[in-house]
Amino acid sequence: MLKTLLKSKLHRINVTQVELDYEGSCAVDQDFLNAAGMQEYERVDVYNVTNGERFSTYLILAESGSKTLSVNGAAAHKVSINDVVIICTYGEFDEIEATNHQPTLVYFDKYNNITDIKNSIPEQKLHSV
């Protein structure tokens, strides 16, 4: 049996551009894709922290060093400039691969600078009332 697990994510990256009439769906700075192990034309799920929208699309390249995140085409209706989003890729893993899998998690500040790269998410603690 295969399990679908988080492969990589760009966490809290800011939308820098919205292009309704541009071909392609989500242009991301090549440096960010490299850091996360993502690639051009890979399917992604985008979670808009600012407005709650969620959608699937694919990646295209933006210039290295530009700090660009441009959401294009139909997906442009789901975001605005300066929205904070999370972009995730997933992979299929067999039981053995799943046991040892660690995702690549890339974190950003409000200027789209990479602030950290991790391989796990801390266990969530319940708040006491």
C-alpha atoms as a PDB file:
ATOM      1  CA  MET A   1       0.000   0.000   0.000  1.00  0.00           C
ATOM      2  CA  LEU A   2       1.204   3.508  -0.805  1.00  0.00           C
ATOM      3  CA  LYS A   3       0.762   6.471   1.510  1.00  0.00           C
ATOM      4  CA  THR A   4       0.524  10.077   0.367  1.00  0.00           C
ATOM      5  CA  LEU A   5       2.797  12.229   2.538  1.00  0.00           C
ATOM      6  CA  LEU A   6       3.910  15.844   2.551  1.00  0.00           C
ATOM      7  CA  LYS A   7       7.077  16.041   0.426  1.00  0.00           C
ATOM      8  CA  SER A   8       7.896  19.745   0.710  1.00  0.00           C
ATOM      9  CA  LYS A   9       6.400  23.100   1.566  1.00  0.00           C
ATOM     10  CA  LEU A  10       7.015  26.801   1.254  1.00  0.00           C
ATOM     11  CA  HIS A  11       5.583  28.089   4.544  1.00  0.00           C
ATOM     12  CA  ARG A  12       4.070  31.565   4.802  1.00  0.00           C
ATOM     13  CA  ILE A  13       5.489  32.952   1.564  1.00  0.00           C
ATOM     14  CA  ASN A  14       4.036  36.257   0.344  1.00  0.00           C
ATOM     15  CA  VAL A  15       2.347  36.732  -3.029  1.00  0.00           C
ATOM     16  CA  THR A  16       4.332  39.358  -4.971  1.00  0.00           C
ATOM     17  CA  GLN A  17       2.420  39.322  -8.251  1.00  0.00           C
ATOM     18  CA  VAL A  18      -0.995  38.344  -9.635  1.00  0.00           C
ATOM     19  CA  GLU A  19      -1.370  37.882 -13.409  1.00  0.00           C
ATOM     20  CA  LEU A  20      -4.851  36.886 -14.587  1.00  0.00           C
ATOM     21  CA  ASP A  21      -3.865  36.760 -18.279  1.00  0.00           C
ATOM     22  CA  TYR A  22      -0.469  35.039 -17.945  1.00  0.00           C
ATOM     23  CA  GLU A  23      -0.008  31.439 -19.101  1.00  0.00           C
ATOM     24  CA  GLY A  24       1.108  29.185 -16.311  1.00  0.00           C
ATOM     25  CA  SER A  25      -0.174  29.002 -12.835  1.00  0.00           C
ATOM     26  CA  CYS A  26       2.311  29.645 -10.039  1.00  0.00           C
ATOM     27  CA  ALA A  27       5.719  31.196 -10.746  1.00  0.00           C
ATOM     28  CA  VAL A  28       8.197  30.764  -7.902  1.00  0.00           C
ATOM     29  CA  ASP A  29      11.778  32.008  -7.533  1.00  0.00           C
ATOM     30  CA  GLN A  30      14.055  29.177  -8.725  1.00  0.00           C
ATOM     31  CA  ASP A  31      16.105  29.484  -5.512  1.00  0.00           C
ATOM     32  CA  PHE A  32      13.010  28.711  -3.424  1.00  0.00           C
ATOM     33  CA  LEU A  33      12.167  25.669  -5.554  1.00  0.00           C
ATOM     34  CA  ASN A  34      15.731  24.394  -5.181  1.00  0.00           C
ATOM     35  CA  ALA A  35      15.645  24.881  -1.404  1.00  0.00           C
ATOM     36  CA  ALA A  36      12.409  22.882  -1.141  1.00  0.00           C
ATOM     37  CA  GLY A  37      13.272  20.190  -3.683  1.00  0.00           C
ATOM     38  CA  MET A  38      10.370  21.285  -5.885  1.00  0.00           C
ATOM     39  CA  GLN A  39      10.506  21.449  -9.667  1.00  0.00           C
ATOM     40  CA  GLU A  40       8.928  23.192 -12.626  1.00  0.00           C
ATOM     41  CA  TYR A  41       5.544  21.706 -13.669  1.00  0.00           C
ATOM     42  CA  GLU A  42       5.121  19.884 -10.353  1.00  0.00           C
ATOM     43  CA  ARG A  43       1.597  19.849  -8.969  1.00  0.00           C
ATOM     44  CA  VAL A  44       1.117  21.891  -5.809  1.00  0.00           C
ATOM     45  CA  ASP A  45      -1.655  22.657  -3.381  1.00  0.00           C
ATOM     46  CA  VAL A  46      -1.834  26.291  -2.305  1.00  0.00           C
ATOM     47  CA  TYR A  47      -3.375  27.286   1.022  1.00  0.00           C
ATOM     48  CA  ASN A  48      -4.105  30.997   1.356  1.00  0.00           C
ATOM     49  CA  VAL A  49      -3.615  31.897   5.032  1.00  0.00           C
ATOM     50  CA  THR A  50      -4.968  35.408   4.438  1.00  0.00           C
ATOM     51  CA  ASN A  51      -8.391  34.535   2.987  1.00  0.00           C
ATOM     52  CA  GLY A  52      -8.834  30.773   3.495  1.00  0.00           C
ATOM     53  CA  GLU A  53      -8.879  29.868  -0.222  1.00  0.00           C
ATOM     54  CA  ARG A  54      -7.362  26.519  -1.236  1.00  0.00           C
ATOM     55  CA  PHE A  55      -6.526  25.377  -4.761  1.00  0.00           C
ATOM     56  CA  SER A  56      -4.311  23.044  -6.785  1.00  0.00           C
ATOM     57  CA  THR A  57      -2.087  24.208  -9.614  1.00  0.00           C
ATOM     58  CA  TYR A  58       1.438  23.643 -10.956  1.00  0.00           C
ATOM     59  CA  LEU A  59       4.770  25.411 -10.693  1.00  0.00           C
ATOM     60  CA  ILE A  60       6.617  27.458 -13.289  1.00  0.00           C
ATOM     61  CA  LEU A  61       9.980  29.169 -12.878  1.00  0.00           C
ATOM     62  CA  ALA A  62      10.518  32.737 -11.782  1.00  0.00           C
ATOM     63  CA  GLU A  63      13.924  34.377 -11.964  1.00  0.00           C
ATOM     64  CA  SER A  64      16.471  33.232  -9.360  1.00  0.00           C
ATOM     65  CA  GLY A  65      16.992  35.810  -6.640  1.00  0.00           C
ATOM     66  CA  SER A  66      13.789  37.716  -7.486  1.00  0.00           C
ATOM     67  CA  LYS A  67      11.858  36.514  -4.380  1.00  0.00           C
ATOM     68  CA  THR A  68       8.871  36.185  -6.736  1.00  0.00           C
ATOM     69  CA  LEU A  69       5.679  34.325  -6.038  1.00  0.00           C
ATOM     70  CA  SER A  70       3.294  35.096  -8.882  1.00  0.00           C
ATOM     71  CA  VAL A  71      -0.102  33.420  -9.034  1.00  0.00           C
ATOM     72  CA  ASN A  72      -1.374  33.367 -12.604  1.00  0.00           C
ATOM     73  CA  GLY A  73      -4.351  32.448 -14.759  1.00  0.00           C
ATOM     74  CA  ALA A  74      -7.569  31.269 -13.119  1.00  0.00           C
ATOM     75  CA  ALA A  75      -5.773  30.831  -9.773  1.00  0.00           C
ATOM     76  CA  ALA A  76      -5.177  34.603  -9.733  1.00  0.00           C
ATOM     77  CA  HIS A  77      -8.804  34.980  -8.604  1.00  0.00           C
ATOM     78  CA  LYS A  78      -7.900  33.177  -5.352  1.00  0.00           C
ATOM     79  CA  VAL A  79      -5.159  35.550  -4.120  1.00  0.00           C
ATOM     80  CA  SER A  80      -4.171  39.192  -3.840  1.00  0.00           C
ATOM     81  CA  ILE A  81      -0.736  40.796  -3.696  1.00  0.00           C
ATOM     82  CA  ASN A  82       0.747  40.457  -0.180  1.00  0.00           C
ATOM     83  CA  ASP A  83      -1.449  37.479   0.744  1.00  0.00           C
ATOM     84  CA  VAL A  84       0.405  34.910   2.853  1.00  0.00           C
ATOM     85  CA  VAL A  85       0.228  31.393   1.418  1.00  0.00           C
ATOM     86  CA  ILE A  86       1.560  27.904   2.043  1.00  0.00           C
ATOM     87  CA  ILE A  87       2.561  25.877  -1.025  1.00  0.00           C
ATOM     88  CA  CYS A  88       2.797  22.085  -0.609  1.00  0.00           C
ATOM     89  CA  THR A  89       3.879  19.107  -2.692  1.00  0.00           C
ATOM     90  CA  TYR A  90       3.044  15.519  -1.840  1.00  0.00           C
ATOM     91  CA  GLY A  91       4.562  12.173  -2.782  1.00  0.00           C
ATOM     92  CA  GLU A  92       3.580   8.515  -2.779  1.00  0.00           C
ATOM     93  CA  PHE A  93       5.646   6.345  -0.441  1.00  0.00           C
ATOM     94  CA  ASP A  94       5.567   2.633   0.329  1.00  0.00           C
ATOM     95  CA  GLU A  95       5.482   1.453   3.961  1.00  0.00           C
ATOM     96  CA  ILE A  96       9.279   1.365   4.346  1.00  0.00           C
ATOM     97  CA  GLU A  97       9.848   4.738   2.639  1.00  0.00           C
ATOM     98  CA  ALA A  98       7.047   6.285   4.711  1.00  0.00           C
ATOM     99  CA  THR A  99       8.682   5.178   7.961  1.00  0.00           C
ATOM    100  CA  ASN A 100      11.889   7.098   7.201  1.00  0.00           C
ATOM    101  CA  HIS A 101      10.436  10.007   5.227  1.00  0.00           C
ATOM    102  CA  GLN A 102      11.227  13.573   6.241  1.00  0.00           C
ATOM    103  CA  PRO A 103       9.700  16.483   4.317  1.00  0.00           C
ATOM    104  CA  THR A 104      11.613  19.632   3.383  1.00  0.00           C
ATOM    105  CA  LEU A 105       9.974  22.644   5.039  1.00  0.00           C
ATOM    106  CA  VAL A 106      11.119  26.115   3.944  1.00  0.00           C
ATOM    107  CA  TYR A 107      10.094  29.096   6.110  1.00  0.00           C
ATOM    108  CA  PHE A 108       9.872  32.755   5.050  1.00  0.00           C
ATOM    109  CA  ASP A 109       9.680  36.216   6.585  1.00  0.00           C
ATOM    110  CA  LYS A 110       7.354  38.939   5.287  1.00  0.00           C
ATOM    111  CA  TYR A 111       9.949  39.992   2.670  1.00  0.00           C
ATOM    112  CA  ASN A 112      10.223  36.467   1.203  1.00  0.00           C
ATOM    113  CA  ASN A 113      13.622  35.852   2.735  1.00  0.00           C
ATOM    114  CA  ILE A 114      14.215  32.242   3.723  1.00  0.00           C
ATOM    115  CA  THR A 115      14.497  32.190   7.520  1.00  0.00           C
ATOM    116  CA  ASP A 116      14.791  28.446   8.147  1.00  0.00           C
ATOM    117  CA  ILE A 117      14.706  25.015   6.537  1.00  0.00           C
ATOM    118  CA  LYS A 118      13.512  22.083   8.648  1.00  0.00           C
ATOM    119  CA  ASN A 119      12.544  18.445   8.198  1.00  0.00           C
ATOM    120  CA  SER A 120       9.814  18.129  10.830  1.00  0.00           C
ATOM    121  CA  ILE A 121       6.941  20.018  12.416  1.00  0.00           C
ATOM    122  CA  PRO A 122       6.919  20.179  16.239  1.00  0.00           C
ATOM    123  CA  GLU A 123       4.230  18.159  17.998  1.00  0.00           C
ATOM    124  CA  GLN A 124       1.214  20.376  18.669  1.00  0.00           C
ATOM    125  CA  LYS A 125       0.444  20.865  22.340  1.00  0.00           C
ATOM    126  CA  LEU A 126      -3.134  21.311  23.491  1.00  0.00           C
ATOM    127  CA  HIS A 127      -3.930  24.569  25.242  1.00  0.00           C
ATOM    128  CA  SER A 128      -5.393  24.210  28.704  1.00  0.00           C
ATOM    129  CA  VAL A 129      -8.568  26.123  29.488  1.00  0.00           C
END
